[in-house]
Structures are given as C-alpha cells and as structure tokens.
Amino acid sequence: MGRNKKKGSQLELEGIRFIQAEFTDEQAIIQACEGVDYVFHCGALSSPWGKYEAFYEANVVGTENVIKACKIHSVKRLIHVSTPSIYFDTKERLDVKEDDTLPSVFLNHYAETKYLAEQCVDQAFQDGLATITIRPRAIFGPGDTAIIPRLIRANQERFIPLIHQGEAIIDLTYVDNVVDVLILCMDSDDSTLGKKYNISNGERVVLKEVLAKLFQELQMDFRYKHIPYRLAYSIAYLMEKKASLLRSKEEPMLTRYSVTVLSSSQTVNIDKAKNELHYQPKISIDEGIRLFSKWWVETNDEHNI
C-alpha cells in the first residue's frame, strides 16, 4: 500500500497486489488489512522541512489508522518502522541505546511526530496488539529519494557544506539489511513484543570519507566547502525564514536539521537487535554505496539531475 502509483504499477508487474491510498484514508487501511497476518508499517512523511499539520496527519493519524485496522482484523503482528531521529539534538551522541534519555525538544516536526506515533504503538501493545518497533538509521540504497539524492543535488548545484572539517562520525543502514530485520521481526520470540530496536549497519563512518567514496563511485567531482557551524546554522535559519514567509512548498537548500546532521557525530548501539532479533548486517556500507551508484547511473535520466 502506498501513494506512488508509478511504483505501485512496477510492483504489480511482479505479481504483487498494490493499493494506492493515503494513510489518512481510514477505510482504505481497514480494508487493506483484511485477511492479513502481518502488517509492516513503513510509510511516513519523512522530511527535514514542512508544516506540522502535514507531519501529524501522516505520521500520527496514519499510525492510529493502521493500529485500528490491525485490531479490527486481529492481525498477528504489527511491525512498526520508527526512527533514531528522536534521539538527537544539536549535541553529539555516540552509541545511543534504545532506553537512553530523549531530548526535551525534538529537532524537527518529523522526529516529534514519529515519537508520538511510537506512543500510539506502545498503547496498542498495552491494549493487546502484538507489536515490534525498529528504528533504522539513515536508510540508503537503490530507490533512495531522500538522503543521497539531496547530497548529489547540492554537490551539482553548488557544493556540500562540510562543518567541523566533515569529521562527524555517522551511522548508515543499507536498505536490504532493513528488509532482513523486518522479516526477522515476523518470527522473533514473543519476548521481543512491545520492544524497540535500533538498526544500522554497525559500521561507524566519517562523513567526509563516505562522501568521497560516493562521488568516486559516481565518477563525479566532490565539491565541498568548509563552513563554520555558526555561519551554516545562521544561513539555514534565514533560508527557513524566507521559505516560511514566501509559503514555499520547496525545501530550503539548507535547513537547521541538515546542518546538525552534517556537523554532529551521531551513532546508535545495535547490540539489542543482534542479541534478541539475531540481526546481522549482510551488506556493508562500501558495497551499498557501489550498488546505489550503479543504480543511480543507470536511472540518471529518469531523475533529471
């Protein structure tokens, strides 16, 4: 189930039933869950920019609708995809565990509404619905429309701003590894129900180094500039203000959230997923970058970038 009719048509060619609908369409979700044993709730409005109401409708109301449908049809398990974005503020945080303290203020509307969605899932578990929540960090791979395409676009249009010399330590997660853990959640021990699990590739990488590998694979010049954090943050603030005043629907080239991500070391601990879900990342970041780059080059005309 999803919003993208074009991608849905591609799935149908492979014999997969596709339902085009919004998460806010309660009746469509209820109907879609009829006769279903397992529901993977992977959809969300995921963006560093946008109106709170849009995030709330997609991420909170949408999750409430999925939960309602699961209850009506006595679904065996709801596997919910959340995000480690709920952990991070403007400070560096390394090796964050699932039960570590959350920030008093979330970085953006996406993180805040995904946290609220988690609370809905927690309540559903208390009400008797079998649930598991995963928090995959920075998913990338073929088909990515968010993380790496934004960087490629910035690199081609101007440059990528590197803050603190690009030395931030980060986590990434290759998309197939996320699929693996979702499948593991279907048959995991009942002791995992109601719990939350960090997911990443388990490889700490330095931002500047991984970007250099990416553009080398893409056979593009890596265009970057070292920018002081305070200057980058101020520019992002002004760009956001301008976009708000003009009521622009386009995301600013630089946001305060993206400045934070580009400047702060942020990693998660995945020991719990390894021990309890028996998760082992199979595809490395280097291999993932190679696979993404191959796909990107093959579909470059389609992206018109």
C-alpha atoms as a PDB file:
ATOM      1  CA  MET A   1       0.000   0.000   0.000  1.00  0.00           C
ATOM      2  CA  GLY A   2       1.326   3.447  -0.834  1.00  0.00           C
ATOM      3  CA  ARG A   3       0.810   6.770  -2.552  1.00  0.00           C
ATOM      4  CA  ASN A   4       3.057   6.351  -5.592  1.00  0.00           C
ATOM      5  CA  LYS A   5       1.014   4.921  -8.466  1.00  0.00           C
ATOM      6  CA  LYS A   6       4.065   4.573 -10.733  1.00  0.00           C
ATOM      7  CA  LYS A   7       5.978   2.449  -8.229  1.00  0.00           C
ATOM      8  CA  GLY A   8       2.804   0.534  -7.482  1.00  0.00           C
ATOM      9  CA  SER A   9       2.497  -0.371 -11.161  1.00  0.00           C
ATOM     10  CA  GLN A  10       6.060  -1.725 -11.114  1.00  0.00           C
ATOM     11  CA  LEU A  11       5.163  -3.932  -8.129  1.00  0.00           C
ATOM     12  CA  GLU A  12       2.063  -5.206  -9.910  1.00  0.00           C
ATOM     13  CA  LEU A  13       4.214  -6.332 -12.831  1.00  0.00           C
ATOM     14  CA  GLU A  14       5.966  -8.634 -10.344  1.00  0.00           C
ATOM     15  CA  GLY A  15       2.670 -10.123  -9.188  1.00  0.00           C
ATOM     16  CA  ILE A  16       2.340  -8.017  -6.028  1.00  0.00           C
ATOM     17  CA  ARG A  17      -1.069  -6.607  -5.144  1.00  0.00           C
ATOM     18  CA  PHE A  18      -0.828  -2.825  -4.760  1.00  0.00           C
ATOM     19  CA  ILE A  19      -3.343  -0.499  -3.138  1.00  0.00           C
ATOM     20  CA  GLN A  20      -2.989   3.217  -3.824  1.00  0.00           C
ATOM     21  CA  ALA A  21      -4.177   5.179  -0.790  1.00  0.00           C
ATOM     22  CA  GLU A  22      -3.174   7.750   1.791  1.00  0.00           C
ATOM     23  CA  PHE A  23      -2.584   6.824   5.441  1.00  0.00           C
ATOM     24  CA  THR A  24      -5.292   9.293   6.364  1.00  0.00           C
ATOM     25  CA  ASP A  25      -7.845   7.152   4.450  1.00  0.00           C
ATOM     26  CA  GLU A  26      -9.061   5.102   7.404  1.00  0.00           C
ATOM     27  CA  GLN A  27     -11.467   2.912   5.441  1.00  0.00           C
ATOM     28  CA  ALA A  28      -8.861   2.054   2.797  1.00  0.00           C
ATOM     29  CA  ILE A  29      -6.424   0.931   5.503  1.00  0.00           C
ATOM     30  CA  ILE A  30      -9.071  -1.137   7.290  1.00  0.00           C
ATOM     31  CA  GLN A  31      -9.981  -2.806   4.013  1.00  0.00           C
ATOM     32  CA  ALA A  32      -6.315  -3.417   3.116  1.00  0.00           C
ATOM     33  CA  CYS A  33      -5.654  -5.270   6.390  1.00  0.00           C
ATOM     34  CA  GLU A  34      -8.488  -7.752   5.968  1.00  0.00           C
ATOM     35  CA  GLY A  35      -7.164 -11.320   5.907  1.00  0.00           C
ATOM     36  CA  VAL A  36      -3.622 -10.164   6.676  1.00  0.00           C
ATOM     37  CA  ASP A  37      -1.407 -11.854   9.293  1.00  0.00           C
ATOM     38  CA  TYR A  38       1.479  -9.350   9.442  1.00  0.00           C
ATOM     39  CA  VAL A  39       1.483  -5.605   8.841  1.00  0.00           C
ATOM     40  CA  PHE A  40       4.720  -3.716   8.158  1.00  0.00           C
ATOM     41  CA  HIS A  41       4.048  -0.026   8.784  1.00  0.00           C
ATOM     42  CA  CYS A  42       6.942   1.611   6.902  1.00  0.00           C
ATOM     43  CA  GLY A  43       5.251   4.705   5.496  1.00  0.00           C
ATOM     44  CA  ALA A  44       5.710   8.226   6.832  1.00  0.00           C
ATOM     45  CA  LEU A  45       6.184  11.831   5.866  1.00  0.00           C
ATOM     46  CA  SER A  46       9.968  11.918   6.199  1.00  0.00           C
ATOM     47  CA  SER A  47      11.497  15.317   5.553  1.00  0.00           C
ATOM     48  CA  PRO A  48      13.507  17.956   7.428  1.00  0.00           C
ATOM     49  CA  TRP A  49      11.054  20.587   6.231  1.00  0.00           C
ATOM     50  CA  GLY A  50       7.293  21.083   6.131  1.00  0.00           C
ATOM     51  CA  LYS A  51       4.180  22.039   8.094  1.00  0.00           C
ATOM     52  CA  TYR A  52       3.493  20.369  11.413  1.00  0.00           C
ATOM     53  CA  GLU A  53      -0.080  19.531  10.407  1.00  0.00           C
ATOM     54  CA  ALA A  54       1.130  17.503   7.418  1.00  0.00           C
ATOM     55  CA  PHE A  55       3.572  15.515   9.575  1.00  0.00           C
ATOM     56  CA  TYR A  56       0.928  14.913  12.240  1.00  0.00           C
ATOM     57  CA  GLU A  57      -1.654  13.689   9.741  1.00  0.00           C
ATOM     58  CA  ALA A  58       0.761  11.278   8.034  1.00  0.00           C
ATOM     59  CA  ASN A  59       2.772  10.038  10.989  1.00  0.00           C
ATOM     60  CA  VAL A  60       0.358  10.119  13.933  1.00  0.00           C
ATOM     61  CA  VAL A  61      -3.136   9.869  12.436  1.00  0.00           C
ATOM     62  CA  GLY A  62      -1.800   7.439   9.837  1.00  0.00           C
ATOM     63  CA  THR A  63      -0.356   5.197  12.546  1.00  0.00           C
ATOM     64  CA  GLU A  64      -3.601   5.381  14.528  1.00  0.00           C
ATOM     65  CA  ASN A  65      -5.465   4.185  11.417  1.00  0.00           C
ATOM     66  CA  VAL A  66      -3.052   1.288  10.904  1.00  0.00           C
ATOM     67  CA  ILE A  67      -3.435   0.252  14.546  1.00  0.00           C
ATOM     68  CA  LYS A  68      -7.236   0.396  14.285  1.00  0.00           C
ATOM     69  CA  ALA A  69      -7.169  -1.792  11.183  1.00  0.00           C
ATOM     70  CA  CYS A  70      -4.866  -4.308  12.878  1.00  0.00           C
ATOM     71  CA  LYS A  71      -7.198  -4.561  15.865  1.00  0.00           C
ATOM     72  CA  ILE A  72     -10.331  -4.950  13.752  1.00  0.00           C
ATOM     73  CA  HIS A  73      -8.836  -7.817  11.748  1.00  0.00           C
ATOM     74  CA  SER A  74      -6.896  -9.450  14.626  1.00  0.00           C
ATOM     75  CA  VAL A  75      -3.544  -9.098  12.860  1.00  0.00           C
ATOM     76  CA  LYS A  76      -0.877 -11.388  14.388  1.00  0.00           C
ATOM     77  CA  ARG A  77       1.841  -8.720  14.497  1.00  0.00           C
ATOM     78  CA  LEU A  78       2.307  -5.071  13.654  1.00  0.00           C
ATOM     79  CA  ILE A  79       5.936  -4.298  12.801  1.00  0.00           C
ATOM     80  CA  HIS A  80       6.380  -0.545  13.033  1.00  0.00           C
ATOM     81  CA  VAL A  81       9.234   1.434  11.492  1.00  0.00           C
ATOM     82  CA  SER A  82      10.213   4.448  13.581  1.00  0.00           C
ATOM     83  CA  THR A  83      13.436   6.496  13.556  1.00  0.00           C
ATOM     84  CA  PRO A  84      16.527   7.270  15.677  1.00  0.00           C
ATOM     85  CA  SER A  85      15.926  10.933  14.807  1.00  0.00           C
ATOM     86  CA  ILE A  86      14.008  11.073  18.087  1.00  0.00           C
ATOM     87  CA  TYR A  87      17.331  10.707  19.976  1.00  0.00           C
ATOM     88  CA  PHE A  88      19.256  13.591  18.571  1.00  0.00           C
ATOM     89  CA  ASP A  89      19.521  17.281  19.317  1.00  0.00           C
ATOM     90  CA  THR A  90      22.346  19.671  18.449  1.00  0.00           C
ATOM     91  CA  LYS A  91      24.829  17.835  20.665  1.00  0.00           C
ATOM     92  CA  GLU A  92      26.977  14.859  19.710  1.00  0.00           C
ATOM     93  CA  ARG A  93      25.625  11.475  20.843  1.00  0.00           C
ATOM     94  CA  LEU A  94      27.514   8.234  20.270  1.00  0.00           C
ATOM     95  CA  ASP A  95      26.402   4.639  20.854  1.00  0.00           C
ATOM     96  CA  VAL A  96      22.864   5.642  21.814  1.00  0.00           C
ATOM     97  CA  LYS A  97      20.802   2.803  23.296  1.00  0.00           C
ATOM     98  CA  GLU A  98      17.059   2.340  22.955  1.00  0.00           C
ATOM     99  CA  ASP A  99      16.270   3.422  26.525  1.00  0.00           C
ATOM    100  CA  ASP A 100      18.630   6.410  26.689  1.00  0.00           C
ATOM    101  CA  THR A 101      17.179   9.794  27.607  1.00  0.00           C
ATOM    102  CA  LEU A 102      15.380  11.636  24.815  1.00  0.00           C
ATOM    103  CA  PRO A 103      15.914  15.369  24.208  1.00  0.00           C
ATOM    104  CA  SER A 104      13.479  17.807  25.806  1.00  0.00           C
ATOM    105  CA  VAL A 105      12.851  19.381  22.389  1.00  0.00           C
ATOM    106  CA  PHE A 106      12.927  17.411  19.133  1.00  0.00           C
ATOM    107  CA  LEU A 107      14.972  18.654  16.198  1.00  0.00           C
ATOM    108  CA  ASN A 108      12.047  18.875  13.772  1.00  0.00           C
ATOM    109  CA  HIS A 109       8.400  18.002  13.163  1.00  0.00           C
ATOM    110  CA  TYR A 110       9.351  14.634  11.692  1.00  0.00           C
ATOM    111  CA  ALA A 111      11.115  13.474  14.868  1.00  0.00           C
ATOM    112  CA  GLU A 112       8.375  14.812  17.123  1.00  0.00           C
ATOM    113  CA  THR A 113       5.517  13.158  15.248  1.00  0.00           C
ATOM    114  CA  LYS A 114       7.382   9.862  14.879  1.00  0.00           C
ATOM    115  CA  TYR A 115       7.813   9.852  18.665  1.00  0.00           C
ATOM    116  CA  LEU A 116       4.081  10.463  19.070  1.00  0.00           C
ATOM    117  CA  ALA A 117       3.444   7.587  16.649  1.00  0.00           C
ATOM    118  CA  GLU A 118       5.616   5.330  18.814  1.00  0.00           C
ATOM    119  CA  GLN A 119       3.481   6.223  21.804  1.00  0.00           C
ATOM    120  CA  CYS A 120       0.393   5.136  19.841  1.00  0.00           C
ATOM    121  CA  VAL A 121       2.065   1.783  19.130  1.00  0.00           C
ATOM    122  CA  ASP A 122       3.045   1.424  22.793  1.00  0.00           C
ATOM    123  CA  GLN A 123      -0.585   1.967  23.826  1.00  0.00           C
ATOM    124  CA  ALA A 124      -1.736  -0.565  21.226  1.00  0.00           C
ATOM    125  CA  PHE A 125       0.625  -3.126  22.763  1.00  0.00           C
ATOM    126  CA  GLN A 126      -0.821  -2.403  26.192  1.00  0.00           C
ATOM    127  CA  ASP A 127      -4.265  -2.969  24.663  1.00  0.00           C
ATOM    128  CA  GLY A 128      -3.233  -6.439  23.489  1.00  0.00           C
ATOM    129  CA  LEU A 129      -1.907  -5.929  19.946  1.00  0.00           C
ATOM    130  CA  ALA A 130       1.411  -7.708  19.273  1.00  0.00           C
ATOM    131  CA  THR A 131       3.867  -5.021  18.123  1.00  0.00           C
ATOM    132  CA  ILE A 132       7.578  -4.554  17.466  1.00  0.00           C
ATOM    133  CA  THR A 133       9.233  -1.224  16.648  1.00  0.00           C
ATOM    134  CA  ILE A 134      12.514  -0.767  14.789  1.00  0.00           C
ATOM    135  CA  ARG A 135      14.492   2.469  14.490  1.00  0.00           C
ATOM    136  CA  PRO A 136      16.702   2.207  11.368  1.00  0.00           C
ATOM    137  CA  ARG A 137      19.307   4.944  10.987  1.00  0.00           C
ATOM    138  CA  ALA A 138      19.727   6.772   7.644  1.00  0.00           C
ATOM    139  CA  ILE A 139      18.463   4.166   5.159  1.00  0.00           C
ATOM    140  CA  PHE A 140      20.142   4.282   1.744  1.00  0.00           C
ATOM    141  CA  GLY A 141      20.353   2.160  -1.390  1.00  0.00           C
ATOM    142  CA  PRO A 142      18.768   1.841  -4.852  1.00  0.00           C
ATOM    143  CA  GLY A 143      15.468   3.687  -4.892  1.00  0.00           C
ATOM    144  CA  ASP A 144      16.576   6.252  -2.299  1.00  0.00           C
ATOM    145  CA  THR A 145      14.767   9.549  -2.856  1.00  0.00           C
ATOM    146  CA  ALA A 146      15.868  11.305   0.326  1.00  0.00           C
ATOM    147  CA  ILE A 147      19.370  11.170   1.776  1.00  0.00           C
ATOM    148  CA  ILE A 148      21.907  10.653  -1.020  1.00  0.00           C
ATOM    149  CA  PRO A 149      19.887  12.398  -3.786  1.00  0.00           C
ATOM    150  CA  ARG A 150      19.807  15.552  -1.645  1.00  0.00           C
ATOM    151  CA  LEU A 151      23.609  15.437  -1.342  1.00  0.00           C
ATOM    152  CA  ILE A 152      24.077  14.787  -5.061  1.00  0.00           C
ATOM    153  CA  ARG A 153      21.799  17.714  -5.871  1.00  0.00           C
ATOM    154  CA  ALA A 154      23.714  20.044  -3.534  1.00  0.00           C
ATOM    155  CA  ASN A 155      27.017  18.843  -4.994  1.00  0.00           C
ATOM    156  CA  GLN A 156      25.883  19.548  -8.539  1.00  0.00           C
ATOM    157  CA  GLU A 157      24.072  22.828  -7.940  1.00  0.00           C
ATOM    158  CA  ARG A 158      26.660  24.404  -5.650  1.00  0.00           C
ATOM    159  CA  PHE A 159      28.606  22.419  -3.095  1.00  0.00           C
ATOM    160  CA  ILE A 160      28.198  20.312   0.021  1.00  0.00           C
ATOM    161  CA  PRO A 161      28.853  22.300   3.204  1.00  0.00           C
ATOM    162  CA  LEU A 162      31.303  20.485   5.455  1.00  0.00           C
ATOM    163  CA  ILE A 163      31.137  21.620   9.054  1.00  0.00           C
ATOM    164  CA  HIS A 164      33.868  20.764  11.571  1.00  0.00           C
ATOM    165  CA  GLN A 165      36.001  19.637   8.586  1.00  0.00           C
ATOM    166  CA  GLY A 166      33.468  16.898   7.755  1.00  0.00           C
ATOM    167  CA  GLU A 167      34.798  14.790  10.634  1.00  0.00           C
ATOM    168  CA  ALA A 168      31.377  13.868  12.051  1.00  0.00           C
ATOM    169  CA  ILE A 169      31.039  10.147  12.796  1.00  0.00           C
ATOM    170  CA  ILE A 170      27.762   8.756  11.476  1.00  0.00           C
ATOM    171  CA  ASP A 171      25.727   5.584  11.008  1.00  0.00           C
ATOM    172  CA  LEU A 172      24.098   4.415   7.776  1.00  0.00           C
ATOM    173  CA  THR A 173      21.856   1.435   7.041  1.00  0.00           C
ATOM    174  CA  TYR A 174      21.677  -0.311   3.681  1.00  0.00           C
ATOM    175  CA  VAL A 175      18.068  -0.925   2.647  1.00  0.00           C
ATOM    176  CA  ASP A 176      18.355  -4.712   2.216  1.00  0.00           C
ATOM    177  CA  ASN A 177      19.613  -5.002   5.790  1.00  0.00           C
ATOM    178  CA  VAL A 178      16.449  -3.222   6.949  1.00  0.00           C
ATOM    179  CA  VAL A 179      14.328  -5.684   4.964  1.00  0.00           C
ATOM    180  CA  ASP A 180      16.204  -8.560   6.641  1.00  0.00           C
ATOM    181  CA  VAL A 181      15.405  -7.288  10.111  1.00  0.00           C
ATOM    182  CA  LEU A 182      11.762  -6.657   9.229  1.00  0.00           C
ATOM    183  CA  ILE A 183      11.451 -10.320   8.236  1.00  0.00           C
ATOM    184  CA  LEU A 184      13.209 -11.353  11.444  1.00  0.00           C
ATOM    185  CA  CYS A 185      10.551  -9.406  13.369  1.00  0.00           C
ATOM    186  CA  MET A 186       7.834 -11.638  11.889  1.00  0.00           C
ATOM    187  CA  ASP A 187       9.069 -14.756  13.668  1.00  0.00           C
ATOM    188  CA  SER A 188      11.039 -13.361  16.592  1.00  0.00           C
ATOM    189  CA  ASP A 189      10.475 -14.698  20.089  1.00  0.00           C
ATOM    190  CA  ASP A 190       7.415 -13.409  21.946  1.00  0.00           C
ATOM    191  CA  SER A 191       9.810 -11.770  24.422  1.00  0.00           C
ATOM    192  CA  THR A 192      10.585  -9.165  21.710  1.00  0.00           C
ATOM    193  CA  LEU A 193       6.975  -7.964  21.533  1.00  0.00           C
ATOM    194  CA  GLY A 194       6.379  -4.405  22.667  1.00  0.00           C
ATOM    195  CA  LYS A 195      10.076  -3.578  22.376  1.00  0.00           C
ATOM    196  CA  LYS A 196      12.088  -1.123  20.282  1.00  0.00           C
ATOM    197  CA  TYR A 197      15.286  -1.900  18.375  1.00  0.00           C
ATOM    198  CA  ASN A 198      17.986   0.329  16.896  1.00  0.00           C
ATOM    199  CA  ILE A 199      19.094  -0.725  13.429  1.00  0.00           C
ATOM    200  CA  SER A 200      22.170   0.334  11.458  1.00  0.00           C
ATOM    201  CA  ASN A 201      24.988  -1.261   9.503  1.00  0.00           C
ATOM    202  CA  GLY A 202      27.028  -1.313  12.699  1.00  0.00           C
ATOM    203  CA  GLU A 203      29.886   0.474  10.908  1.00  0.00           C
ATOM    204  CA  ARG A 204      30.882   3.900  12.118  1.00  0.00           C
ATOM    205  CA  VAL A 205      31.992   6.047   9.197  1.00  0.00           C
ATOM    206  CA  VAL A 206      33.411   9.553   8.879  1.00  0.00           C
ATOM    207  CA  LEU A 207      31.111  11.818   6.853  1.00  0.00           C
ATOM    208  CA  LYS A 208      33.776  13.289   4.557  1.00  0.00           C
ATOM    209  CA  GLU A 209      35.290   9.862   3.835  1.00  0.00           C
ATOM    210  CA  VAL A 210      31.990   8.215   2.939  1.00  0.00           C
ATOM    211  CA  LEU A 211      31.044  11.152   0.691  1.00  0.00           C
ATOM    212  CA  ALA A 212      34.406  10.884  -1.071  1.00  0.00           C
ATOM    213  CA  LYS A 213      33.709   7.186  -1.753  1.00  0.00           C
ATOM    214  CA  LEU A 214      30.233   8.005  -3.035  1.00  0.00           C
ATOM    215  CA  PHE A 215      31.360  10.598  -5.579  1.00  0.00           C
ATOM    216  CA  GLN A 216      34.279   8.440  -6.634  1.00  0.00           C
ATOM    217  CA  GLU A 217      31.820   5.633  -7.433  1.00  0.00           C
ATOM    218  CA  LEU A 218      29.560   8.103  -9.250  1.00  0.00           C
ATOM    219  CA  GLN A 219      32.585   9.448 -11.150  1.00  0.00           C
ATOM    220  CA  MET A 220      31.689  12.984 -10.099  1.00  0.00           C
ATOM    221  CA  ASP A 221      33.891  15.703  -8.655  1.00  0.00           C
ATOM    222  CA  PHE A 222      33.315  16.030  -4.924  1.00  0.00           C
ATOM    223  CA  ARG A 223      32.557  19.729  -4.488  1.00  0.00           C
ATOM    224  CA  TYR A 224      32.591  20.892  -0.885  1.00  0.00           C
ATOM    225  CA  LYS A 225      33.414  23.912   1.237  1.00  0.00           C
ATOM    226  CA  HIS A 226      34.409  24.066   4.877  1.00  0.00           C
ATOM    227  CA  ILE A 227      31.928  26.316   6.676  1.00  0.00           C
ATOM    228  CA  PRO A 228      31.904  27.268  10.393  1.00  0.00           C
ATOM    229  CA  TYR A 229      28.994  25.769  12.287  1.00  0.00           C
ATOM    230  CA  ARG A 230      27.528  29.076  13.461  1.00  0.00           C
ATOM    231  CA  LEU A 231      27.605  30.525   9.949  1.00  0.00           C
ATOM    232  CA  ALA A 232      25.954  27.424   8.458  1.00  0.00           C
ATOM    233  CA  TYR A 233      23.283  27.421  11.166  1.00  0.00           C
ATOM    234  CA  SER A 234      22.551  31.127  10.608  1.00  0.00           C
ATOM    235  CA  ILE A 235      22.288  30.662   6.838  1.00  0.00           C
ATOM    236  CA  ALA A 236      19.929  27.718   7.342  1.00  0.00           C
ATOM    237  CA  TYR A 237      17.792  29.762   9.735  1.00  0.00           C
ATOM    238  CA  LEU A 238      17.485  32.585   7.198  1.00  0.00           C
ATOM    239  CA  MET A 239      16.653  30.152   4.386  1.00  0.00           C
ATOM    240  CA  GLU A 240      13.917  28.591   6.502  1.00  0.00           C
ATOM    241  CA  LYS A 241      12.516  32.020   7.420  1.00  0.00           C
ATOM    242  CA  LYS A 242      12.455  33.072   3.765  1.00  0.00           C
ATOM    243  CA  ALA A 243      10.704  29.863   2.736  1.00  0.00           C
ATOM    244  CA  SER A 244       8.131  30.327   5.502  1.00  0.00           C
ATOM    245  CA  LEU A 245       7.424  33.953   4.617  1.00  0.00           C
ATOM    246  CA  LEU A 246       7.037  33.077   0.925  1.00  0.00           C
ATOM    247  CA  ARG A 247       4.996  29.999   1.890  1.00  0.00           C
ATOM    248  CA  SER A 248       7.243  27.980  -0.344  1.00  0.00           C
ATOM    249  CA  LYS A 249       6.483  24.276  -0.749  1.00  0.00           C
ATOM    250  CA  GLU A 250      10.078  23.592  -1.736  1.00  0.00           C
ATOM    251  CA  GLU A 251      12.532  22.549   0.931  1.00  0.00           C
ATOM    252  CA  PRO A 252      15.304  25.138   1.517  1.00  0.00           C
ATOM    253  CA  MET A 253      18.719  24.107   0.212  1.00  0.00           C
ATOM    254  CA  LEU A 254      19.962  24.144   3.812  1.00  0.00           C
ATOM    255  CA  THR A 255      17.919  23.525   6.975  1.00  0.00           C
ATOM    256  CA  ARG A 256      18.922  23.661  10.618  1.00  0.00           C
ATOM    257  CA  TYR A 257      18.269  19.940  10.830  1.00  0.00           C
ATOM    258  CA  SER A 258      20.618  19.183   7.928  1.00  0.00           C
ATOM    259  CA  VAL A 259      23.299  21.435   9.483  1.00  0.00           C
ATOM    260  CA  THR A 260      23.027  19.426  12.690  1.00  0.00           C
ATOM    261  CA  VAL A 261      23.261  16.109  10.825  1.00  0.00           C
ATOM    262  CA  LEU A 262      26.276  17.292   8.813  1.00  0.00           C
ATOM    263  CA  SER A 263      28.107  18.613  11.861  1.00  0.00           C
ATOM    264  CA  SER A 264      27.381  16.272  14.781  1.00  0.00           C
ATOM    265  CA  SER A 265      28.662  12.772  15.455  1.00  0.00           C
ATOM    266  CA  GLN A 266      25.585  10.601  15.994  1.00  0.00           C
ATOM    267  CA  THR A 267      25.553   6.792  16.207  1.00  0.00           C
ATOM    268  CA  VAL A 268      23.300   4.112  17.669  1.00  0.00           C
ATOM    269  CA  ASN A 269      24.006   0.888  19.536  1.00  0.00           C
ATOM    270  CA  ILE A 270      22.552  -2.220  17.791  1.00  0.00           C
ATOM    271  CA  ASP A 271      23.554  -4.877  20.365  1.00  0.00           C
ATOM    272  CA  LYS A 272      19.931  -5.406  21.400  1.00  0.00           C
ATOM    273  CA  ALA A 273      18.843  -6.182  17.813  1.00  0.00           C
ATOM    274  CA  LYS A 274      21.793  -8.538  17.366  1.00  0.00           C
ATOM    275  CA  ASN A 275      21.135 -10.401  20.604  1.00  0.00           C
ATOM    276  CA  GLU A 276      17.326 -10.559  20.601  1.00  0.00           C
ATOM    277  CA  LEU A 277      16.377 -10.468  16.895  1.00  0.00           C
ATOM    278  CA  HIS A 278      19.599 -12.203  15.727  1.00  0.00           C
ATOM    279  CA  TYR A 279      20.170  -9.344  13.276  1.00  0.00           C
ATOM    280  CA  GLN A 280      23.427  -9.359  11.326  1.00  0.00           C
ATOM    281  CA  PRO A 281      24.010  -6.726   8.597  1.00  0.00           C
ATOM    282  CA  LYS A 282      24.884  -8.640   5.426  1.00  0.00           C
ATOM    283  CA  ILE A 283      25.697  -5.808   3.001  1.00  0.00           C
ATOM    284  CA  SER A 284      28.488  -3.415   4.007  1.00  0.00           C
ATOM    285  CA  ILE A 285      28.389   0.342   3.524  1.00  0.00           C
ATOM    286  CA  ASP A 286      31.092   0.162   0.815  1.00  0.00           C
ATOM    287  CA  GLU A 287      29.097  -2.471  -1.099  1.00  0.00           C
ATOM    288  CA  GLY A 288      25.918  -0.481  -0.539  1.00  0.00           C
ATOM    289  CA  ILE A 289      27.486   2.661  -2.000  1.00  0.00           C
ATOM    290  CA  ARG A 290      28.607   0.657  -5.036  1.00  0.00           C
ATOM    291  CA  LEU A 291      25.108  -0.774  -5.547  1.00  0.00           C
ATOM    292  CA  PHE A 292      23.460   2.613  -5.082  1.00  0.00           C
ATOM    293  CA  SER A 293      25.866   4.285  -7.514  1.00  0.00           C
ATOM    294  CA  LYS A 294      25.268   1.610 -10.164  1.00  0.00           C
ATOM    295  CA  TRP A 295      21.524   2.127  -9.847  1.00  0.00           C
ATOM    296  CA  TRP A 296      21.843   5.922  -9.876  1.00  0.00           C
ATOM    297  CA  VAL A 297      23.940   5.971 -13.049  1.00  0.00           C
ATOM    298  CA  GLU A 298      21.500   3.611 -14.792  1.00  0.00           C
ATOM    299  CA  THR A 299      18.484   5.755 -13.866  1.00  0.00           C
ATOM    300  CA  ASN A 300      20.115   9.194 -14.056  1.00  0.00           C
ATOM    301  CA  ASP A 301      17.976  10.418 -16.949  1.00  0.00           C
ATOM    302  CA  GLU A 302      14.833   9.480 -15.044  1.00  0.00           C
ATOM    303  CA  HIS A 303      15.937  11.598 -12.079  1.00  0.00           C
ATOM    304  CA  ASN A 304      16.743  14.507 -14.413  1.00  0.00           C
ATOM    305  CA  ILE A 305      19.688  15.509 -12.229  1.00  0.00           C
END
